[in-house]
Amino acid sequence: MTEAMWQHLQTHAVQLEQLTKKLTALEADEETNTARMARWLPYPPPPAAEDKQHRRETPLFTIACFVQYYNATYTGRPGSRAIAIPDCWLSHPGLVAELATLTYTWRAAHLGRGATPRDAQYWHDRWRVGFAERLATEWVHAHCLADEHKPAGAPARADRFSDDNPPTRSGGTP
């Protein structure tokens, strides 16, 4: 009986080792594929704190890079709602909060194994359109969109990644 139990233990130990190797490989594969571009994405994705070479950066880096990507990709014709995100975006807390979700939903819809064309289309049809509308009507002063920053709405706030002082510089450059 002891011999039979020893055989079962040996078999289970081998199986456990094989499972551990497979799990380790899957975890490594998942980590390297996080930023893998979806086949339908025509442009390189913006840099992000989630990329290996930027691991020391904060999500604000990811958002700032996405702002540049958005402005280069999604600015529409003059007079449309598809306007550029102003450089003073860090000075508008509601805009920062919405940019955070816009950035990370874009990443989920376009990068990694979980990205699907359906999610990407939903992002373009719902998330981006709604954001563009709110950008033009709710988050910033008209001066911010045309010339220079003018305080509007909630005052600038300190974020959890920077010093305790509200930003005084214009944001948007990583």
N, C-alpha and C. Protein backbone atom coordinates (compact mmCIF):
# COMPACT_ATOMS: atom_id res chain seq x y z
N MET A 1 0.84 -1.20 0.00
CA MET A 1 0.00 0.00 0.00
C MET A 1 0.89 1.26 0.00
N THR A 2 1.94 1.22 0.77
CA THR A 2 2.86 2.36 0.81
C THR A 2 3.49 2.57 -0.56
N GLU A 3 3.85 1.46 -1.19
CA GLU A 3 4.44 1.55 -2.53
C GLU A 3 3.46 2.18 -3.53
N ALA A 4 2.20 1.78 -3.48
CA ALA A 4 1.18 2.34 -4.37
C ALA A 4 0.98 3.83 -4.12
N MET A 5 0.96 4.21 -2.86
CA MET A 5 0.80 5.64 -2.53
C MET A 5 2.02 6.43 -3.01
N TRP A 6 3.18 5.85 -2.87
CA TRP A 6 4.41 6.52 -3.32
C TRP A 6 4.35 6.72 -4.84
N GLN A 7 3.88 5.73 -5.58
CA GLN A 7 3.73 5.83 -7.03
C GLN A 7 2.75 6.96 -7.40
N HIS A 8 1.63 7.02 -6.72
CA HIS A 8 0.65 8.09 -6.96
C HIS A 8 1.25 9.46 -6.66
N LEU A 9 1.99 9.55 -5.58
CA LEU A 9 2.63 10.81 -5.21
C LEU A 9 3.63 11.23 -6.28
N GLN A 10 4.41 10.29 -6.77
CA GLN A 10 5.38 10.58 -7.83
C GLN A 10 4.66 11.07 -9.09
N THR A 11 3.59 10.40 -9.46
CA THR A 11 2.81 10.78 -10.64
C THR A 11 2.24 12.18 -10.48
N HIS A 12 1.69 12.45 -9.32
CA HIS A 12 1.11 13.77 -9.06
C HIS A 12 2.19 14.85 -9.04
N ALA A 13 3.35 14.54 -8.54
CA ALA A 13 4.44 15.51 -8.51
C ALA A 13 4.86 15.87 -9.94
N VAL A 14 4.94 14.88 -10.82
CA VAL A 14 5.30 15.12 -12.22
C VAL A 14 4.21 15.97 -12.89
N GLN A 15 2.97 15.63 -12.67
CA GLN A 15 1.87 16.39 -13.25
C GLN A 15 1.85 17.82 -12.73
N LEU A 16 2.10 17.99 -11.45
CA LEU A 16 2.15 19.33 -10.86
C LEU A 16 3.28 20.14 -11.47
N GLU A 17 4.42 19.52 -11.67
CA GLU A 17 5.55 20.22 -12.29
C GLU A 17 5.21 20.63 -13.72
N GLN A 18 4.56 19.74 -14.47
CA GLN A 18 4.16 20.06 -15.84
C GLN A 18 3.15 21.21 -15.86
N LEU A 19 2.20 21.18 -14.96
CA LEU A 19 1.21 22.26 -14.87
C LEU A 19 1.87 23.58 -14.50
N THR A 20 2.81 23.53 -13.59
CA THR A 20 3.53 24.74 -13.18
C THR A 20 4.27 25.34 -14.37
N LYS A 21 4.93 24.50 -15.17
CA LYS A 21 5.65 24.99 -16.35
C LYS A 21 4.68 25.62 -17.35
N LYS A 22 3.54 24.97 -17.57
CA LYS A 22 2.56 25.50 -18.51
C LYS A 22 1.99 26.83 -18.01
N LEU A 23 1.69 26.91 -16.73
CA LEU A 23 1.16 28.15 -16.16
C LEU A 23 2.18 29.27 -16.26
N THR A 24 3.43 28.97 -15.97
CA THR A 24 4.49 29.97 -16.09
C THR A 24 4.61 30.46 -17.52
N ALA A 25 4.55 29.53 -18.48
CA ALA A 25 4.63 29.90 -19.89
C ALA A 25 3.44 30.76 -20.30
N LEU A 26 2.25 30.40 -19.83
CA LEU A 26 1.05 31.20 -20.15
C LEU A 26 1.14 32.60 -19.57
N GLU A 27 1.61 32.70 -18.33
CA GLU A 27 1.74 34.02 -17.71
C GLU A 27 2.76 34.86 -18.45
N ALA A 28 3.89 34.26 -18.85
CA ALA A 28 4.90 35.00 -19.61
C ALA A 28 4.34 35.42 -20.95
N ASP A 29 3.61 34.51 -21.59
CA ASP A 29 3.01 34.80 -22.89
C ASP A 29 2.01 35.94 -22.76
N GLU A 30 1.19 35.93 -21.72
CA GLU A 30 0.20 36.98 -21.50
C GLU A 30 0.89 38.32 -21.30
N GLU A 31 1.98 38.33 -20.54
CA GLU A 31 2.69 39.58 -20.27
C GLU A 31 3.29 40.14 -21.55
N THR A 32 3.87 39.29 -22.39
CA THR A 32 4.48 39.79 -23.62
C THR A 32 3.44 40.15 -24.66
N ASN A 33 2.26 39.58 -24.59
CA ASN A 33 1.24 39.86 -25.59
C ASN A 33 0.29 40.99 -25.20
N THR A 34 0.47 41.56 -24.02
CA THR A 34 -0.43 42.61 -23.58
C THR A 34 -0.50 43.75 -24.59
N ALA A 35 0.64 44.15 -25.15
CA ALA A 35 0.66 45.28 -26.07
C ALA A 35 0.62 44.83 -27.53
N ARG A 36 0.34 43.56 -27.78
CA ARG A 36 0.29 43.08 -29.15
C ARG A 36 -0.85 43.79 -29.88
N MET A 37 -0.51 44.33 -31.04
CA MET A 37 -1.51 45.08 -31.82
C MET A 37 -2.51 44.15 -32.46
N ALA A 38 -3.72 44.60 -32.51
CA ALA A 38 -4.75 43.90 -33.26
C ALA A 38 -4.43 44.03 -34.74
N ARG A 39 -4.82 43.05 -35.51
CA ARG A 39 -4.49 43.05 -36.95
C ARG A 39 -5.13 44.21 -37.69
N TRP A 40 -6.23 44.72 -37.21
CA TRP A 40 -6.93 45.79 -37.93
C TRP A 40 -6.41 47.19 -37.58
N LEU A 41 -5.50 47.29 -36.64
CA LEU A 41 -4.98 48.60 -36.21
C LEU A 41 -3.91 49.07 -37.20
N PRO A 42 -4.15 50.16 -37.94
CA PRO A 42 -3.20 50.56 -38.97
C PRO A 42 -1.98 51.33 -38.46
N TYR A 43 -2.04 51.87 -37.26
CA TYR A 43 -0.95 52.70 -36.75
C TYR A 43 -0.36 52.05 -35.50
N PRO A 44 0.91 52.30 -35.24
CA PRO A 44 1.48 51.77 -34.00
C PRO A 44 0.75 52.37 -32.80
N PRO A 45 0.54 51.59 -31.76
CA PRO A 45 -0.15 52.12 -30.59
C PRO A 45 0.74 53.12 -29.85
N PRO A 46 0.12 54.02 -29.10
CA PRO A 46 0.94 54.96 -28.34
C PRO A 46 1.69 54.23 -27.23
N PRO A 47 2.86 54.73 -26.85
CA PRO A 47 3.59 54.14 -25.73
C PRO A 47 2.74 54.16 -24.46
N ALA A 48 3.03 53.23 -23.57
CA ALA A 48 2.24 53.14 -22.34
C ALA A 48 3.10 52.63 -21.20
N ALA A 49 2.70 52.98 -19.99
CA ALA A 49 3.40 52.51 -18.79
C ALA A 49 3.35 50.99 -18.71
N GLU A 50 2.41 50.38 -19.38
CA GLU A 50 2.27 48.93 -19.37
C GLU A 50 3.28 48.23 -20.28
N ASP A 51 3.95 48.98 -21.15
CA ASP A 51 4.99 48.42 -22.02
C ASP A 51 6.25 48.18 -21.20
N LYS A 52 6.97 47.14 -21.55
CA LYS A 52 8.17 46.77 -20.79
C LYS A 52 9.16 47.92 -20.66
N GLN A 53 9.39 48.65 -21.73
CA GLN A 53 10.40 49.71 -21.70
C GLN A 53 9.94 50.95 -20.93
N HIS A 54 8.67 51.01 -20.55
CA HIS A 54 8.16 52.18 -19.81
C HIS A 54 7.59 51.79 -18.44
N ARG A 55 8.00 50.67 -17.91
CA ARG A 55 7.43 50.14 -16.65
C ARG A 55 7.58 51.10 -15.48
N ARG A 56 8.53 51.98 -15.51
CA ARG A 56 8.74 52.92 -14.39
C ARG A 56 7.80 54.13 -14.47
N GLU A 57 7.07 54.23 -15.56
CA GLU A 57 6.15 55.35 -15.76
C GLU A 57 4.82 55.07 -15.05
N THR A 58 4.04 56.12 -14.90
CA THR A 58 2.72 56.00 -14.28
C THR A 58 1.64 55.98 -15.36
N PRO A 59 0.41 55.69 -14.99
CA PRO A 59 -0.68 55.77 -15.97
C PRO A 59 -0.81 57.16 -16.61
N LEU A 60 -0.35 58.21 -15.94
CA LEU A 60 -0.40 59.54 -16.57
C LEU A 60 0.46 59.57 -17.83
N PHE A 61 1.56 58.84 -17.84
CA PHE A 61 2.38 58.71 -19.05
C PHE A 61 1.55 58.08 -20.16
N THR A 62 0.84 57.00 -19.83
CA THR A 62 0.00 56.32 -20.80
C THR A 62 -1.05 57.27 -21.35
N ILE A 63 -1.68 58.03 -20.48
CA ILE A 63 -2.72 58.97 -20.90
C ILE A 63 -2.12 60.07 -21.77
N ALA A 64 -0.97 60.62 -21.36
CA ALA A 64 -0.33 61.69 -22.13
C ALA A 64 0.04 61.21 -23.53
N CYS A 65 0.56 59.99 -23.63
CA CYS A 65 0.88 59.44 -24.96
C CYS A 65 -0.38 59.20 -25.77
N PHE A 66 -1.44 58.77 -25.11
CA PHE A 66 -2.70 58.56 -25.82
C PHE A 66 -3.26 59.90 -26.32
N VAL A 67 -3.12 60.95 -25.52
CA VAL A 67 -3.60 62.28 -25.96
C VAL A 67 -2.91 62.67 -27.26
N GLN A 68 -1.60 62.45 -27.33
CA GLN A 68 -0.88 62.76 -28.57
C GLN A 68 -1.38 61.90 -29.73
N TYR A 69 -1.59 60.62 -29.46
CA TYR A 69 -2.09 59.70 -30.48
C TYR A 69 -3.49 60.12 -30.94
N TYR A 70 -4.34 60.43 -29.98
CA TYR A 70 -5.71 60.86 -30.30
C TYR A 70 -5.68 62.10 -31.18
N ASN A 71 -4.89 63.10 -30.79
CA ASN A 71 -4.84 64.34 -31.55
C ASN A 71 -4.29 64.13 -32.95
N ALA A 72 -3.37 63.18 -33.11
CA ALA A 72 -2.80 62.90 -34.43
C ALA A 72 -3.74 62.05 -35.28
N THR A 73 -4.66 61.32 -34.65
CA THR A 73 -5.48 60.36 -35.37
C THR A 73 -6.94 60.78 -35.50
N TYR A 74 -7.51 61.36 -34.46
CA TYR A 74 -8.96 61.54 -34.42
C TYR A 74 -9.44 62.98 -34.53
N THR A 75 -8.58 63.92 -34.85
CA THR A 75 -9.02 65.29 -35.04
C THR A 75 -9.70 65.38 -36.40
N GLY A 76 -10.90 65.92 -36.40
CA GLY A 76 -11.71 65.94 -37.63
C GLY A 76 -11.58 67.24 -38.39
N ARG A 77 -12.52 67.42 -39.25
CA ARG A 77 -12.53 68.64 -40.08
C ARG A 77 -12.92 69.83 -39.22
N PRO A 78 -12.49 71.04 -39.60
CA PRO A 78 -12.85 72.23 -38.84
C PRO A 78 -14.36 72.35 -38.68
N GLY A 79 -14.77 72.72 -37.48
CA GLY A 79 -16.18 72.89 -37.19
C GLY A 79 -16.87 71.64 -36.69
N SER A 80 -16.20 70.50 -36.75
CA SER A 80 -16.80 69.26 -36.27
C SER A 80 -16.54 69.10 -34.77
N ARG A 81 -17.17 68.12 -34.17
CA ARG A 81 -16.96 67.83 -32.74
C ARG A 81 -15.64 67.10 -32.50
N ALA A 82 -15.03 66.60 -33.55
CA ALA A 82 -13.77 65.86 -33.42
C ALA A 82 -12.61 66.85 -33.34
N ILE A 83 -12.47 67.45 -32.16
CA ILE A 83 -11.45 68.47 -31.96
C ILE A 83 -10.29 67.89 -31.16
N ALA A 84 -9.17 68.57 -31.23
CA ALA A 84 -7.98 68.12 -30.50
C ALA A 84 -8.15 68.34 -29.00
N ILE A 85 -7.59 67.44 -28.24
CA ILE A 85 -7.56 67.58 -26.79
C ILE A 85 -6.55 68.69 -26.49
N PRO A 86 -6.92 69.70 -25.72
CA PRO A 86 -6.00 70.82 -25.49
C PRO A 86 -4.81 70.41 -24.61
N ASP A 87 -3.72 71.16 -24.76
CA ASP A 87 -2.51 70.89 -23.97
C ASP A 87 -2.74 71.01 -22.47
N CYS A 88 -3.76 71.75 -22.08
CA CYS A 88 -4.02 71.99 -20.65
C CYS A 88 -4.91 70.90 -20.03
N TRP A 89 -5.00 69.74 -20.65
CA TRP A 89 -5.91 68.69 -20.19
C TRP A 89 -5.67 68.31 -18.74
N LEU A 90 -4.43 68.38 -18.27
CA LEU A 90 -4.14 68.05 -16.87
C LEU A 90 -4.77 69.03 -15.88
N SER A 91 -5.12 70.20 -16.35
CA SER A 91 -5.72 71.21 -15.47
C SER A 91 -7.23 71.08 -15.36
N HIS A 92 -7.81 70.08 -16.00
CA HIS A 92 -9.26 69.86 -15.98
C HIS A 92 -9.54 68.47 -15.43
N PRO A 93 -9.83 68.33 -14.13
CA PRO A 93 -9.96 67.01 -13.50
C PRO A 93 -10.99 66.09 -14.14
N GLY A 94 -12.12 66.63 -14.56
CA GLY A 94 -13.12 65.79 -15.22
C GLY A 94 -12.59 65.24 -16.54
N LEU A 95 -11.86 66.06 -17.26
CA LEU A 95 -11.26 65.64 -18.52
C LEU A 95 -10.20 64.57 -18.28
N VAL A 96 -9.39 64.75 -17.26
CA VAL A 96 -8.37 63.75 -16.92
C VAL A 96 -9.03 62.41 -16.59
N ALA A 97 -10.09 62.46 -15.79
CA ALA A 97 -10.79 61.23 -15.41
C ALA A 97 -11.36 60.54 -16.65
N GLU A 98 -11.95 61.31 -17.54
CA GLU A 98 -12.52 60.69 -18.73
C GLU A 98 -11.43 60.21 -19.68
N LEU A 99 -10.34 60.95 -19.78
CA LEU A 99 -9.23 60.51 -20.63
C LEU A 99 -8.65 59.19 -20.13
N ALA A 100 -8.63 59.01 -18.82
CA ALA A 100 -8.12 57.75 -18.27
C ALA A 100 -8.94 56.57 -18.77
N THR A 101 -10.26 56.67 -18.68
CA THR A 101 -11.09 55.56 -19.15
C THR A 101 -11.05 55.44 -20.67
N LEU A 102 -11.01 56.56 -21.38
CA LEU A 102 -10.93 56.53 -22.83
C LEU A 102 -9.65 55.83 -23.28
N THR A 103 -8.55 56.16 -22.63
CA THR A 103 -7.25 55.56 -22.95
C THR A 103 -7.27 54.06 -22.74
N TYR A 104 -7.70 53.65 -21.58
CA TYR A 104 -7.63 52.23 -21.25
C TYR A 104 -8.71 51.40 -21.94
N THR A 105 -9.84 51.98 -22.30
CA THR A 105 -10.80 51.23 -23.10
C THR A 105 -10.29 51.10 -24.53
N TRP A 106 -9.60 52.12 -25.03
CA TRP A 106 -8.97 52.01 -26.35
C TRP A 106 -7.95 50.88 -26.34
N ARG A 107 -7.13 50.84 -25.30
CA ARG A 107 -6.11 49.78 -25.22
C ARG A 107 -6.76 48.40 -25.16
N ALA A 108 -7.81 48.25 -24.39
CA ALA A 108 -8.49 46.96 -24.28
C ALA A 108 -9.12 46.55 -25.60
N ALA A 109 -9.60 47.51 -26.36
CA ALA A 109 -10.27 47.21 -27.63
C ALA A 109 -9.28 46.96 -28.78
N HIS A 110 -8.04 47.43 -28.64
CA HIS A 110 -7.09 47.36 -29.75
C HIS A 110 -5.83 46.56 -29.48
N LEU A 111 -5.56 46.23 -28.24
CA LEU A 111 -4.28 45.57 -27.92
C LEU A 111 -4.50 44.29 -27.12
N GLY A 112 -3.65 43.33 -27.35
CA GLY A 112 -3.68 42.10 -26.56
C GLY A 112 -4.64 41.07 -27.10
N ARG A 113 -4.65 39.94 -26.45
CA ARG A 113 -5.47 38.81 -26.88
C ARG A 113 -6.96 39.09 -26.80
N GLY A 114 -7.38 39.92 -25.86
CA GLY A 114 -8.81 40.17 -25.69
C GLY A 114 -9.39 41.18 -26.65
N ALA A 115 -8.54 41.81 -27.49
CA ALA A 115 -9.02 42.82 -28.43
C ALA A 115 -9.86 42.18 -29.52
N THR A 116 -11.00 42.82 -29.81
CA THR A 116 -11.87 42.31 -30.88
C THR A 116 -12.29 43.47 -31.78
N PRO A 117 -12.55 43.18 -33.04
CA PRO A 117 -13.04 44.24 -33.94
C PRO A 117 -14.35 44.83 -33.43
N ARG A 118 -15.18 44.02 -32.80
CA ARG A 118 -16.45 44.51 -32.27
C ARG A 118 -16.20 45.55 -31.17
N ASP A 119 -15.27 45.25 -30.26
CA ASP A 119 -14.95 46.22 -29.21
C ASP A 119 -14.33 47.48 -29.78
N ALA A 120 -13.49 47.33 -30.79
CA ALA A 120 -12.87 48.50 -31.42
C ALA A 120 -13.93 49.37 -32.09
N GLN A 121 -14.88 48.75 -32.78
CA GLN A 121 -15.95 49.53 -33.41
C GLN A 121 -16.82 50.19 -32.36
N TYR A 122 -17.10 49.49 -31.29
CA TYR A 122 -17.89 50.07 -30.20
C TYR A 122 -17.16 51.28 -29.62
N TRP A 123 -15.85 51.16 -29.45
CA TRP A 123 -15.06 52.28 -28.94
C TRP A 123 -15.21 53.48 -29.87
N HIS A 124 -15.06 53.24 -31.17
CA HIS A 124 -15.16 54.35 -32.12
C HIS A 124 -16.57 54.93 -32.20
N ASP A 125 -17.56 54.08 -32.12
CA ASP A 125 -18.94 54.51 -32.29
C ASP A 125 -19.53 55.12 -31.02
N ARG A 126 -19.13 54.64 -29.87
CA ARG A 126 -19.73 55.10 -28.61
C ARG A 126 -18.78 55.91 -27.74
N TRP A 127 -17.68 55.28 -27.36
CA TRP A 127 -16.76 55.96 -26.43
C TRP A 127 -16.18 57.23 -27.03
N ARG A 128 -15.63 57.15 -28.24
CA ARG A 128 -14.98 58.31 -28.84
C ARG A 128 -15.99 59.41 -29.13
N VAL A 129 -17.12 59.05 -29.68
CA VAL A 129 -18.13 60.05 -30.05
C VAL A 129 -18.65 60.76 -28.79
N GLY A 130 -18.96 60.00 -27.76
CA GLY A 130 -19.42 60.61 -26.51
C GLY A 130 -18.36 61.50 -25.90
N PHE A 131 -17.12 61.03 -25.93
CA PHE A 131 -16.02 61.84 -25.41
C PHE A 131 -15.87 63.14 -26.20
N ALA A 132 -15.89 63.05 -27.52
CA ALA A 132 -15.74 64.24 -28.36
C ALA A 132 -16.84 65.27 -28.05
N GLU A 133 -18.04 64.79 -27.84
CA GLU A 133 -19.15 65.68 -27.49
C GLU A 133 -18.89 66.37 -26.15
N ARG A 134 -18.51 65.59 -25.15
CA ARG A 134 -18.27 66.17 -23.82
C ARG A 134 -17.05 67.08 -23.81
N LEU A 135 -16.04 66.75 -24.59
CA LEU A 135 -14.86 67.61 -24.68
C LEU A 135 -15.26 68.99 -25.18
N ALA A 136 -16.10 69.02 -26.18
CA ALA A 136 -16.51 70.29 -26.78
C ALA A 136 -17.52 71.05 -25.93
N THR A 137 -18.26 70.35 -25.06
CA THR A 137 -19.35 71.02 -24.36
C THR A 137 -19.20 71.09 -22.84
N GLU A 138 -18.41 70.21 -22.24
CA GLU A 138 -18.40 70.13 -20.78
C GLU A 138 -17.07 70.36 -20.09
N TRP A 139 -15.97 69.83 -20.63
CA TRP A 139 -14.75 69.74 -19.83
C TRP A 139 -13.86 70.96 -19.85
N VAL A 140 -13.83 71.70 -20.93
CA VAL A 140 -12.86 72.80 -21.03
C VAL A 140 -13.55 74.07 -21.50
N HIS A 141 -12.90 75.19 -21.25
CA HIS A 141 -13.36 76.49 -21.73
C HIS A 141 -13.02 76.60 -23.21
N ALA A 142 -13.79 77.37 -23.93
CA ALA A 142 -13.56 77.55 -25.36
C ALA A 142 -12.15 78.08 -25.64
N HIS A 143 -11.61 78.90 -24.73
CA HIS A 143 -10.25 79.42 -24.91
C HIS A 143 -9.23 78.29 -24.92
N CYS A 144 -9.47 77.25 -24.12
CA CYS A 144 -8.55 76.11 -24.07
C CYS A 144 -8.47 75.42 -25.44
N LEU A 145 -9.57 75.41 -26.15
CA LEU A 145 -9.62 74.74 -27.45
C LEU A 145 -9.06 75.61 -28.56
N ALA A 146 -9.08 76.93 -28.36
CA ALA A 146 -8.66 77.84 -29.42
C ALA A 146 -7.26 78.40 -29.20
N ASP A 147 -6.99 78.89 -27.99
CA ASP A 147 -5.74 79.61 -27.78
C ASP A 147 -4.92 79.04 -26.63
N GLU A 148 -5.37 79.36 -25.43
CA GLU A 148 -4.61 78.98 -24.24
C GLU A 148 -5.57 78.64 -23.11
N HIS A 149 -5.02 78.05 -22.07
CA HIS A 149 -5.83 77.58 -20.95
C HIS A 149 -6.55 78.73 -20.26
N LYS A 150 -7.80 78.46 -19.93
CA LYS A 150 -8.57 79.35 -19.08
C LYS A 150 -9.33 78.45 -18.11
N PRO A 151 -9.20 78.70 -16.81
CA PRO A 151 -9.89 77.83 -15.85
C PRO A 151 -11.38 77.79 -16.11
N ALA A 152 -11.92 76.59 -16.06
CA ALA A 152 -13.35 76.37 -16.24
C ALA A 152 -13.72 75.12 -15.47
N GLY A 153 -14.85 75.17 -14.80
CA GLY A 153 -15.31 73.98 -14.07
C GLY A 153 -14.48 73.73 -12.83
N ALA A 154 -14.30 72.48 -12.51
CA ALA A 154 -13.55 72.09 -11.31
C ALA A 154 -12.11 72.58 -11.41
N PRO A 155 -11.55 73.05 -10.31
CA PRO A 155 -10.16 73.52 -10.34
C PRO A 155 -9.20 72.33 -10.48
N ALA A 156 -7.99 72.62 -10.94
CA ALA A 156 -6.97 71.59 -11.08
C ALA A 156 -6.74 70.88 -9.75
N ARG A 157 -6.46 69.60 -9.81
CA ARG A 157 -6.25 68.79 -8.60
C ARG A 157 -4.93 68.04 -8.71
N ALA A 158 -4.37 67.74 -7.56
CA ALA A 158 -3.18 66.89 -7.55
C ALA A 158 -3.62 65.45 -7.84
N ASP A 159 -2.80 64.74 -8.59
CA ASP A 159 -3.10 63.34 -8.87
C ASP A 159 -2.33 62.47 -7.88
N ARG A 160 -2.56 61.19 -7.93
CA ARG A 160 -1.91 60.30 -6.97
C ARG A 160 -0.52 59.88 -7.41
N PHE A 161 -0.07 60.32 -8.57
CA PHE A 161 1.24 59.94 -9.09
C PHE A 161 2.28 61.03 -8.97
N SER A 162 1.86 62.28 -8.77
CA SER A 162 2.76 63.42 -8.78
C SER A 162 2.85 64.04 -7.39
N ASP A 163 3.54 65.18 -7.33
CA ASP A 163 3.60 65.93 -6.07
C ASP A 163 2.20 66.36 -5.66
N ASP A 164 2.06 66.84 -4.44
CA ASP A 164 0.76 67.27 -3.93
C ASP A 164 0.25 68.55 -4.55
N ASN A 165 1.09 69.22 -5.33
CA ASN A 165 0.67 70.48 -5.94
C ASN A 165 -0.09 70.24 -7.22
N PRO A 166 -1.17 71.00 -7.46
CA PRO A 166 -1.88 70.89 -8.74
C PRO A 166 -0.95 71.26 -9.87
N PRO A 167 -1.12 70.71 -11.05
CA PRO A 167 -0.24 71.01 -12.18
C PRO A 167 -0.35 72.48 -12.58
N THR A 168 0.79 73.08 -12.86
CA THR A 168 0.80 74.45 -13.35
C THR A 168 1.32 74.48 -14.78
N ARG A 169 1.92 73.41 -15.22
CA ARG A 169 2.44 73.34 -16.59
C ARG A 169 1.33 72.80 -17.49
N SER A 170 1.50 72.95 -18.77
CA SER A 170 0.54 72.34 -19.67
C SER A 170 0.92 70.88 -19.81
N GLY A 171 -0.07 70.01 -19.73
CA GLY A 171 0.18 68.58 -19.82
C GLY A 171 0.16 68.13 -21.24
N GLY A 172 0.42 66.84 -21.40
CA GLY A 172 0.29 66.27 -22.72
C GLY A 172 1.61 65.84 -23.33
N THR A 173 2.72 66.15 -22.69
CA THR A 173 3.98 65.69 -23.26
C THR A 173 4.60 64.71 -22.29
N PRO A 174 4.86 63.50 -22.77
CA PRO A 174 5.46 62.49 -21.89
C PRO A 174 6.91 62.78 -21.64
